[in-house]
Protein backbone atom coordinates (compact mmCIF):
# COMPACT_ATOMS: atom_id res chain seq x y z
CA MET A 1 -44.60 -68.68 67.18
CA LYS A 2 -41.72 -69.24 69.59
CA GLU A 3 -44.01 -68.79 72.60
CA GLU A 4 -46.52 -71.28 71.18
CA ILE A 5 -43.80 -73.88 70.63
CA PHE A 6 -42.60 -73.53 74.23
CA TYR A 7 -46.18 -73.59 75.56
CA VAL A 8 -46.98 -76.87 73.78
CA LYS A 9 -43.66 -78.39 74.86
CA LYS A 10 -44.28 -77.46 78.50
CA LYS A 11 -47.88 -78.64 78.50
CA TYR A 12 -47.43 -81.98 76.72
CA LYS A 13 -43.74 -82.72 77.47
CA LYS A 14 -43.10 -85.01 74.47
CA VAL A 15 -44.89 -84.23 71.22
CA TYR A 16 -44.56 -86.38 68.11
CA LEU A 17 -45.14 -84.74 64.74
CA ASP A 18 -45.95 -86.73 61.64
CA SER A 19 -46.57 -83.74 59.37
CA ILE A 20 -45.95 -80.01 59.22
CA HIS A 21 -47.47 -77.76 56.57
CA ILE A 22 -46.58 -74.13 55.93
CA ALA A 23 -49.25 -72.32 53.95
CA GLU A 24 -49.24 -68.76 52.65
CA GLY A 25 -47.11 -67.80 49.75
CA PRO A 26 -45.02 -66.55 48.25
CA ILE A 27 -42.11 -67.12 50.60
CA SER A 28 -39.26 -64.66 50.08
CA PHE A 29 -35.59 -65.40 50.63
CA PHE A 30 -35.74 -63.14 53.70
CA ALA A 31 -38.60 -65.19 55.11
CA LEU A 32 -36.57 -68.37 54.56
CA GLU A 33 -34.11 -67.29 57.24
CA LEU A 34 -36.97 -66.92 59.72
CA LEU A 35 -38.47 -70.20 58.54
CA GLY A 36 -35.13 -71.90 59.19
CA LYS A 37 -35.09 -70.57 62.76
CA ILE A 38 -38.67 -71.76 63.34
CA PHE A 39 -37.84 -75.24 62.06
CA ALA A 40 -34.76 -75.36 64.28
CA LEU A 41 -37.03 -74.64 67.28
CA ILE A 42 -39.49 -77.30 66.15
CA LYS A 43 -36.72 -79.88 65.80
CA GLU A 44 -35.32 -78.98 69.23
CA ASN A 45 -38.67 -79.17 71.03
CA PHE A 46 -40.67 -81.88 69.27
CA VAL A 47 -40.04 -85.39 68.03
CA LEU A 48 -40.22 -85.64 64.26
CA GLU A 49 -41.12 -89.10 63.04
CA THR A 50 -38.75 -90.70 60.55
CA LYS A 51 -41.18 -90.09 57.70
CA THR A 52 -42.50 -86.71 58.89
CA GLU A 53 -43.81 -84.80 55.89
CA VAL A 54 -42.70 -81.18 55.96
CA SER A 55 -44.46 -79.31 53.18
CA ILE A 56 -44.67 -75.73 52.00
CA GLU A 57 -46.56 -73.80 49.36
CA ALA A 58 -44.41 -71.91 46.87
CA ALA A 59 -45.02 -69.82 43.77
CA PRO A 60 -43.44 -71.26 40.60
CA GLU A 61 -41.39 -68.11 40.00
CA ASN A 62 -39.66 -68.60 43.37
CA CYS A 63 -38.59 -72.18 42.66
CA THR A 64 -35.03 -71.48 41.57
CA ASP A 65 -32.22 -73.94 42.27
CA ALA A 66 -30.97 -71.73 45.13
CA PHE A 67 -34.46 -71.45 46.67
CA LEU A 68 -35.06 -75.20 46.49
CA LYS A 69 -31.64 -75.95 47.99
CA ILE A 70 -32.42 -73.69 50.96
CA LEU A 71 -35.78 -75.41 51.45
CA LYS A 72 -34.09 -78.81 51.42
CA ASN A 73 -31.48 -77.65 53.96
CA ILE A 74 -34.22 -76.37 56.26
CA GLY A 75 -35.89 -79.78 56.14
CA ILE A 76 -38.73 -79.23 53.67
CA ASN A 77 -39.42 -82.48 51.84
CA ARG A 78 -42.55 -81.58 49.85
CA ILE A 79 -43.55 -78.50 47.87
CA SER A 80 -46.99 -77.55 46.59
CA ILE A 81 -46.88 -75.13 43.69
């Protein structure tokens, strides 16, 4: 994914994103660390609009307080269960 982010950045210079959706569940706590790194790259290389929707699919059993707090810290602002 890192290579794709850099490719798009190089090709289009300035890219504005108004939504990002992560499909495929369930997301494990281990995968959240990787997801955080991916979102950091996205934020560094693209322009996120003020109201950019960043959504993810999650299984209900994973939606603990700790899990949701991590998602919020990463920048996720919508969850589909």
